[in-house]
Amino acid sequence: MTPEAAWLLAFLLIGHFLGDFTPLSTASMLRAKAVGAPAGPILAHAAVHSGLVAVAVALIAGPGLRLVALAAALELASHFSIDLGRGRLMRRFPPLGDPTNSSFWSVLGLDQLAHGLVLIGLALLVT
């Protein structure tokens, strides 16, 4: 991995943290993500992540609109799909939504791993 890709990945991971674990994730987004519905707040959450990816890519790789748009679109689609799928899984199997259940942490870990792998792919694709 080039230094440019490493820096981009660092910025992407910081953006992921900001999008998931700060007030950028609103209460309505969190409620929707927990059950996989309605899709609107989950899409809005994915759009926040998409915007953060666009900023990171523009800062590191330059303001090339095509590259920024591609990275943002890939993040939007993947983040929406991962979060929607996790929410639907938790709705179908309620113990997966209970933090006192060890399976909750496995599902959360897989969710974060999937997001992380997407970000690694974006860093490599963009640089």
N, C-alpha and C. Protein backbone atom coordinates (compact mmCIF):
# COMPACT_ATOMS: atom_id res chain seq x y z
N MET A 1 0.85 -1.17 0.00
CA MET A 1 0.00 0.00 0.00
C MET A 1 0.90 1.24 0.00
N THR A 2 0.58 2.16 -0.85
CA THR A 2 1.37 3.39 -0.95
C THR A 2 1.08 4.30 0.25
N PRO A 3 1.97 5.23 0.52
CA PRO A 3 1.67 6.19 1.59
C PRO A 3 0.37 6.96 1.34
N GLU A 4 0.12 7.29 0.08
CA GLU A 4 -1.12 8.01 -0.26
C GLU A 4 -2.34 7.15 0.10
N ALA A 5 -2.29 5.87 -0.23
CA ALA A 5 -3.40 4.97 0.09
C ALA A 5 -3.56 4.81 1.60
N ALA A 6 -2.44 4.74 2.31
CA ALA A 6 -2.49 4.60 3.77
C ALA A 6 -3.13 5.84 4.40
N TRP A 7 -2.74 7.03 3.93
CA TRP A 7 -3.34 8.25 4.46
C TRP A 7 -4.83 8.31 4.13
N LEU A 8 -5.18 7.92 2.91
CA LEU A 8 -6.59 7.92 2.53
C LEU A 8 -7.36 6.95 3.42
N LEU A 9 -6.81 5.76 3.64
CA LEU A 9 -7.49 4.80 4.50
C LEU A 9 -7.67 5.37 5.91
N ALA A 10 -6.66 6.04 6.42
CA ALA A 10 -6.78 6.66 7.75
C ALA A 10 -7.92 7.67 7.77
N PHE A 11 -7.99 8.53 6.76
CA PHE A 11 -9.07 9.51 6.70
C PHE A 11 -10.43 8.83 6.53
N LEU A 12 -10.48 7.76 5.74
CA LEU A 12 -11.74 7.03 5.57
C LEU A 12 -12.19 6.40 6.88
N LEU A 13 -11.27 5.86 7.65
CA LEU A 13 -11.62 5.25 8.94
C LEU A 13 -12.07 6.32 9.94
N ILE A 14 -11.43 7.47 9.93
CA ILE A 14 -11.88 8.57 10.79
C ILE A 14 -13.29 8.99 10.39
N GLY A 15 -13.53 9.09 9.09
CA GLY A 15 -14.87 9.43 8.60
C GLY A 15 -15.90 8.39 9.02
N HIS A 16 -15.50 7.12 8.96
CA HIS A 16 -16.42 6.05 9.37
C HIS A 16 -16.78 6.21 10.85
N PHE A 17 -15.79 6.48 11.67
CA PHE A 17 -16.05 6.71 13.09
C PHE A 17 -17.03 7.88 13.27
N LEU A 18 -16.75 8.99 12.58
CA LEU A 18 -17.60 10.17 12.71
C LEU A 18 -19.03 9.88 12.27
N GLY A 19 -19.18 9.11 11.20
CA GLY A 19 -20.51 8.81 10.68
C GLY A 19 -21.31 7.84 11.52
N ASP A 20 -20.62 6.96 12.24
CA ASP A 20 -21.33 5.93 13.02
C ASP A 20 -21.42 6.23 14.51
N PHE A 21 -20.45 6.92 15.07
CA PHE A 21 -20.36 7.00 16.52
C PHE A 21 -20.36 8.42 17.08
N THR A 22 -20.94 9.35 16.34
CA THR A 22 -21.09 10.73 16.80
C THR A 22 -22.52 11.17 16.46
N PRO A 23 -22.90 12.38 16.83
CA PRO A 23 -24.26 12.86 16.51
C PRO A 23 -24.58 12.92 15.01
N LEU A 24 -23.62 12.63 14.14
CA LEU A 24 -23.96 12.54 12.71
C LEU A 24 -24.93 11.38 12.45
N SER A 25 -24.97 10.41 13.37
CA SER A 25 -25.98 9.35 13.34
C SER A 25 -27.11 9.79 14.26
N THR A 26 -28.21 10.19 13.67
CA THR A 26 -29.34 10.69 14.46
C THR A 26 -30.11 9.55 15.09
N ALA A 27 -30.97 9.89 16.03
CA ALA A 27 -31.80 8.88 16.71
C ALA A 27 -32.67 8.13 15.70
N SER A 28 -33.22 8.83 14.72
CA SER A 28 -34.08 8.14 13.74
C SER A 28 -33.26 7.18 12.86
N MET A 29 -32.03 7.57 12.55
CA MET A 29 -31.15 6.67 11.79
C MET A 29 -30.84 5.42 12.60
N LEU A 30 -30.52 5.60 13.86
CA LEU A 30 -30.18 4.46 14.72
C LEU A 30 -31.37 3.53 14.90
N ARG A 31 -32.57 4.09 15.08
CA ARG A 31 -33.77 3.25 15.21
C ARG A 31 -34.00 2.45 13.95
N ALA A 32 -33.88 3.09 12.80
CA ALA A 32 -34.12 2.40 11.52
C ALA A 32 -33.07 1.33 11.28
N LYS A 33 -31.81 1.64 11.59
CA LYS A 33 -30.74 0.65 11.41
C LYS A 33 -30.96 -0.57 12.29
N ALA A 34 -31.56 -0.39 13.46
CA ALA A 34 -31.75 -1.49 14.40
C ALA A 34 -32.75 -2.52 13.91
N VAL A 35 -33.65 -2.13 13.01
CA VAL A 35 -34.67 -3.07 12.53
C VAL A 35 -34.70 -3.18 11.00
N GLY A 36 -33.84 -2.44 10.34
CA GLY A 36 -33.79 -2.53 8.88
C GLY A 36 -34.93 -1.82 8.18
N ALA A 37 -35.57 -0.86 8.85
CA ALA A 37 -36.69 -0.14 8.25
C ALA A 37 -37.02 1.07 9.12
N PRO A 38 -37.57 2.11 8.56
CA PRO A 38 -37.75 2.34 7.13
C PRO A 38 -36.42 2.63 6.44
N ALA A 39 -36.45 2.50 5.14
CA ALA A 39 -35.22 2.64 4.37
C ALA A 39 -34.70 4.08 4.32
N GLY A 40 -35.59 5.06 4.42
CA GLY A 40 -35.19 6.46 4.30
C GLY A 40 -34.10 6.89 5.27
N PRO A 41 -34.27 6.67 6.57
CA PRO A 41 -33.22 7.07 7.50
C PRO A 41 -31.92 6.27 7.31
N ILE A 42 -32.03 5.03 6.88
CA ILE A 42 -30.82 4.24 6.62
C ILE A 42 -30.10 4.81 5.40
N LEU A 43 -30.85 5.20 4.40
CA LEU A 43 -30.26 5.83 3.22
C LEU A 43 -29.63 7.17 3.59
N ALA A 44 -30.29 7.93 4.46
CA ALA A 44 -29.71 9.20 4.91
C ALA A 44 -28.40 8.96 5.65
N HIS A 45 -28.36 7.92 6.48
CA HIS A 45 -27.15 7.55 7.20
C HIS A 45 -26.04 7.19 6.20
N ALA A 46 -26.39 6.40 5.19
CA ALA A 46 -25.41 6.03 4.17
C ALA A 46 -24.93 7.26 3.39
N ALA A 47 -25.82 8.22 3.20
CA ALA A 47 -25.45 9.45 2.49
C ALA A 47 -24.46 10.28 3.32
N VAL A 48 -24.60 10.26 4.65
CA VAL A 48 -23.62 10.94 5.50
C VAL A 48 -22.24 10.31 5.27
N HIS A 49 -22.21 8.98 5.28
CA HIS A 49 -20.94 8.28 5.05
C HIS A 49 -20.40 8.57 3.65
N SER A 50 -21.28 8.62 2.69
CA SER A 50 -20.88 8.91 1.32
C SER A 50 -20.24 10.29 1.22
N GLY A 51 -20.83 11.26 1.90
CA GLY A 51 -20.26 12.61 1.91
C GLY A 51 -18.90 12.66 2.58
N LEU A 52 -18.75 11.91 3.68
CA LEU A 52 -17.45 11.87 4.37
C LEU A 52 -16.39 11.21 3.48
N VAL A 53 -16.78 10.17 2.75
CA VAL A 53 -15.85 9.53 1.81
C VAL A 53 -15.46 10.53 0.71
N ALA A 54 -16.43 11.26 0.20
CA ALA A 54 -16.14 12.25 -0.85
C ALA A 54 -15.12 13.28 -0.37
N VAL A 55 -15.29 13.74 0.86
CA VAL A 55 -14.35 14.73 1.41
C VAL A 55 -12.96 14.11 1.53
N ALA A 56 -12.86 12.90 2.08
CA ALA A 56 -11.56 12.25 2.25
C ALA A 56 -10.87 12.04 0.91
N VAL A 57 -11.62 11.56 -0.08
CA VAL A 57 -11.03 11.31 -1.40
C VAL A 57 -10.57 12.63 -2.03
N ALA A 58 -11.38 13.67 -1.93
CA ALA A 58 -11.00 14.96 -2.51
C ALA A 58 -9.75 15.52 -1.82
N LEU A 59 -9.63 15.33 -0.51
CA LEU A 59 -8.47 15.85 0.22
C LEU A 59 -7.18 15.12 -0.15
N ILE A 60 -7.26 13.81 -0.31
CA ILE A 60 -6.06 13.01 -0.53
C ILE A 60 -5.76 12.81 -2.02
N ALA A 61 -6.77 12.46 -2.79
CA ALA A 61 -6.54 12.10 -4.19
C ALA A 61 -6.74 13.28 -5.13
N GLY A 62 -7.28 14.38 -4.61
CA GLY A 62 -7.52 15.53 -5.46
C GLY A 62 -8.98 15.65 -5.80
N PRO A 63 -9.37 16.80 -6.29
CA PRO A 63 -10.79 17.08 -6.51
C PRO A 63 -11.36 16.54 -7.82
N GLY A 64 -10.75 15.51 -8.41
CA GLY A 64 -11.30 14.95 -9.65
C GLY A 64 -12.71 14.45 -9.44
N LEU A 65 -13.67 15.11 -10.07
CA LEU A 65 -15.08 14.84 -9.82
C LEU A 65 -15.46 13.38 -10.09
N ARG A 66 -14.95 12.80 -11.15
CA ARG A 66 -15.32 11.43 -11.50
C ARG A 66 -14.90 10.45 -10.40
N LEU A 67 -13.67 10.59 -9.91
CA LEU A 67 -13.16 9.71 -8.87
C LEU A 67 -13.89 9.92 -7.55
N VAL A 68 -14.13 11.15 -7.19
CA VAL A 68 -14.86 11.47 -5.96
C VAL A 68 -16.27 10.90 -6.04
N ALA A 69 -16.93 11.09 -7.18
CA ALA A 69 -18.30 10.60 -7.36
C ALA A 69 -18.36 9.07 -7.32
N LEU A 70 -17.39 8.41 -7.94
CA LEU A 70 -17.36 6.95 -7.93
C LEU A 70 -17.20 6.42 -6.51
N ALA A 71 -16.25 6.97 -5.77
CA ALA A 71 -16.02 6.53 -4.39
C ALA A 71 -17.25 6.78 -3.54
N ALA A 72 -17.87 7.95 -3.69
CA ALA A 72 -19.06 8.28 -2.91
C ALA A 72 -20.22 7.34 -3.25
N ALA A 73 -20.39 7.04 -4.52
CA ALA A 73 -21.48 6.14 -4.94
C ALA A 73 -21.27 4.73 -4.41
N LEU A 74 -20.03 4.25 -4.48
CA LEU A 74 -19.74 2.91 -3.95
C LEU A 74 -19.98 2.85 -2.45
N GLU A 75 -19.60 3.91 -1.73
CA GLU A 75 -19.83 3.96 -0.29
C GLU A 75 -21.32 4.02 0.02
N LEU A 76 -22.05 4.82 -0.71
CA LEU A 76 -23.49 4.93 -0.48
C LEU A 76 -24.16 3.57 -0.64
N ALA A 77 -23.89 2.89 -1.74
CA ALA A 77 -24.54 1.60 -2.01
C ALA A 77 -24.12 0.54 -1.00
N SER A 78 -22.83 0.46 -0.70
CA SER A 78 -22.37 -0.59 0.20
C SER A 78 -22.80 -0.31 1.64
N HIS A 79 -22.70 0.93 2.09
CA HIS A 79 -23.08 1.23 3.47
C HIS A 79 -24.57 0.99 3.68
N PHE A 80 -25.37 1.43 2.73
CA PHE A 80 -26.82 1.20 2.82
C PHE A 80 -27.12 -0.30 2.88
N SER A 81 -26.51 -1.08 1.99
CA SER A 81 -26.78 -2.52 1.94
C SER A 81 -26.35 -3.24 3.22
N ILE A 82 -25.18 -2.91 3.72
CA ILE A 82 -24.68 -3.56 4.93
C ILE A 82 -25.59 -3.24 6.12
N ASP A 83 -25.93 -1.96 6.30
CA ASP A 83 -26.74 -1.57 7.45
C ASP A 83 -28.18 -2.08 7.32
N LEU A 84 -28.74 -2.04 6.13
CA LEU A 84 -30.09 -2.57 5.92
C LEU A 84 -30.11 -4.06 6.23
N GLY A 85 -29.11 -4.79 5.72
CA GLY A 85 -29.04 -6.24 5.95
C GLY A 85 -28.89 -6.58 7.42
N ARG A 86 -28.03 -5.86 8.12
CA ARG A 86 -27.84 -6.12 9.55
C ARG A 86 -29.14 -5.84 10.32
N GLY A 87 -29.80 -4.74 10.00
CA GLY A 87 -31.06 -4.42 10.67
C GLY A 87 -32.13 -5.46 10.44
N ARG A 88 -32.24 -5.93 9.22
CA ARG A 88 -33.24 -6.96 8.91
C ARG A 88 -32.90 -8.27 9.62
N LEU A 89 -31.63 -8.58 9.70
CA LEU A 89 -31.19 -9.78 10.42
C LEU A 89 -31.57 -9.67 11.90
N MET A 90 -31.34 -8.50 12.49
CA MET A 90 -31.67 -8.31 13.90
C MET A 90 -33.18 -8.33 14.13
N ARG A 91 -33.95 -7.85 13.16
CA ARG A 91 -35.41 -7.90 13.30
C ARG A 91 -35.90 -9.34 13.24
N ARG A 92 -35.30 -10.12 12.36
CA ARG A 92 -35.72 -11.52 12.21
C ARG A 92 -35.28 -12.37 13.41
N PHE A 93 -34.13 -12.04 13.96
CA PHE A 93 -33.59 -12.77 15.11
C PHE A 93 -33.33 -11.78 16.24
N PRO A 94 -34.35 -11.44 17.04
CA PRO A 94 -34.23 -10.39 18.07
C PRO A 94 -33.05 -10.54 19.03
N PRO A 95 -32.61 -11.75 19.40
CA PRO A 95 -31.44 -11.81 20.29
C PRO A 95 -30.19 -11.14 19.71
N LEU A 96 -30.11 -11.03 18.38
CA LEU A 96 -28.95 -10.39 17.75
C LEU A 96 -28.92 -8.89 18.01
N GLY A 97 -30.05 -8.33 18.46
CA GLY A 97 -30.11 -6.91 18.76
C GLY A 97 -29.91 -6.60 20.23
N ASP A 98 -29.63 -7.63 21.02
CA ASP A 98 -29.48 -7.48 22.47
C ASP A 98 -28.00 -7.47 22.85
N PRO A 99 -27.48 -6.32 23.30
CA PRO A 99 -26.05 -6.24 23.63
C PRO A 99 -25.60 -7.17 24.75
N THR A 100 -26.54 -7.73 25.51
CA THR A 100 -26.14 -8.68 26.54
C THR A 100 -25.94 -10.08 25.97
N ASN A 101 -26.30 -10.26 24.71
CA ASN A 101 -26.13 -11.54 24.02
C ASN A 101 -24.81 -11.49 23.26
N SER A 102 -23.97 -12.50 23.43
CA SER A 102 -22.65 -12.48 22.77
C SER A 102 -22.78 -12.44 21.25
N SER A 103 -23.86 -12.96 20.70
CA SER A 103 -24.05 -12.94 19.24
C SER A 103 -24.20 -11.52 18.71
N PHE A 104 -24.73 -10.63 19.54
CA PHE A 104 -24.84 -9.22 19.15
C PHE A 104 -23.47 -8.68 18.74
N TRP A 105 -22.46 -8.99 19.55
CA TRP A 105 -21.11 -8.46 19.32
C TRP A 105 -20.48 -9.09 18.09
N SER A 106 -20.81 -10.35 17.83
CA SER A 106 -20.30 -11.00 16.61
C SER A 106 -20.89 -10.34 15.37
N VAL A 107 -22.19 -10.07 15.41
CA VAL A 107 -22.85 -9.43 14.27
C VAL A 107 -22.35 -7.99 14.10
N LEU A 108 -22.19 -7.27 15.20
CA LEU A 108 -21.64 -5.92 15.12
C LEU A 108 -20.22 -5.95 14.55
N GLY A 109 -19.42 -6.90 15.00
CA GLY A 109 -18.06 -7.03 14.49
C GLY A 109 -18.04 -7.33 13.00
N LEU A 110 -18.92 -8.22 12.55
CA LEU A 110 -18.99 -8.52 11.11
C LEU A 110 -19.43 -7.30 10.31
N ASP A 111 -20.37 -6.54 10.87
CA ASP A 111 -20.83 -5.31 10.23
C ASP A 111 -19.66 -4.33 10.07
N GLN A 112 -18.91 -4.13 11.13
CA GLN A 112 -17.78 -3.20 11.07
C GLN A 112 -16.67 -3.73 10.17
N LEU A 113 -16.45 -5.04 10.18
CA LEU A 113 -15.46 -5.64 9.28
C LEU A 113 -15.85 -5.40 7.82
N ALA A 114 -17.12 -5.59 7.50
CA ALA A 114 -17.59 -5.37 6.12
C ALA A 114 -17.35 -3.92 5.70
N HIS A 115 -17.71 -2.98 6.59
CA HIS A 115 -17.46 -1.57 6.27
C HIS A 115 -15.97 -1.29 6.10
N GLY A 116 -15.15 -1.87 6.96
CA GLY A 116 -13.71 -1.67 6.87
C GLY A 116 -13.12 -2.21 5.58
N LEU A 117 -13.60 -3.38 5.16
CA LEU A 117 -13.10 -3.97 3.91
C LEU A 117 -13.48 -3.09 2.71
N VAL A 118 -14.67 -2.52 2.75
CA VAL A 118 -15.07 -1.59 1.69
C VAL A 118 -14.13 -0.40 1.67
N LEU A 119 -13.81 0.13 2.83
CA LEU A 119 -12.92 1.30 2.90
C LEU A 119 -11.52 0.97 2.40
N ILE A 120 -11.03 -0.22 2.72
CA ILE A 120 -9.73 -0.65 2.18
C ILE A 120 -9.81 -0.72 0.65
N GLY A 121 -10.87 -1.31 0.15
CA GLY A 121 -11.05 -1.39 -1.30
C GLY A 121 -11.09 -0.01 -1.95
N LEU A 122 -11.80 0.92 -1.30
CA LEU A 122 -11.87 2.29 -1.84
C LEU A 122 -10.50 2.94 -1.84
N ALA A 123 -9.74 2.77 -0.76
CA ALA A 123 -8.40 3.37 -0.69
C ALA A 123 -7.51 2.84 -1.80
N LEU A 124 -7.60 1.54 -2.07
CA LEU A 124 -6.79 0.96 -3.12
C LEU A 124 -7.26 1.37 -4.51
N LEU A 125 -8.56 1.43 -4.69
CA LEU A 125 -9.15 1.83 -5.98
C LEU A 125 -8.80 3.27 -6.33
N VAL A 126 -8.93 4.14 -5.37
CA VAL A 126 -8.75 5.57 -5.61
C VAL A 126 -7.28 5.93 -5.84
N THR A 127 -6.38 5.24 -5.15
CA THR A 127 -4.97 5.58 -5.28
C THR A 127 -4.33 4.62 -6.27
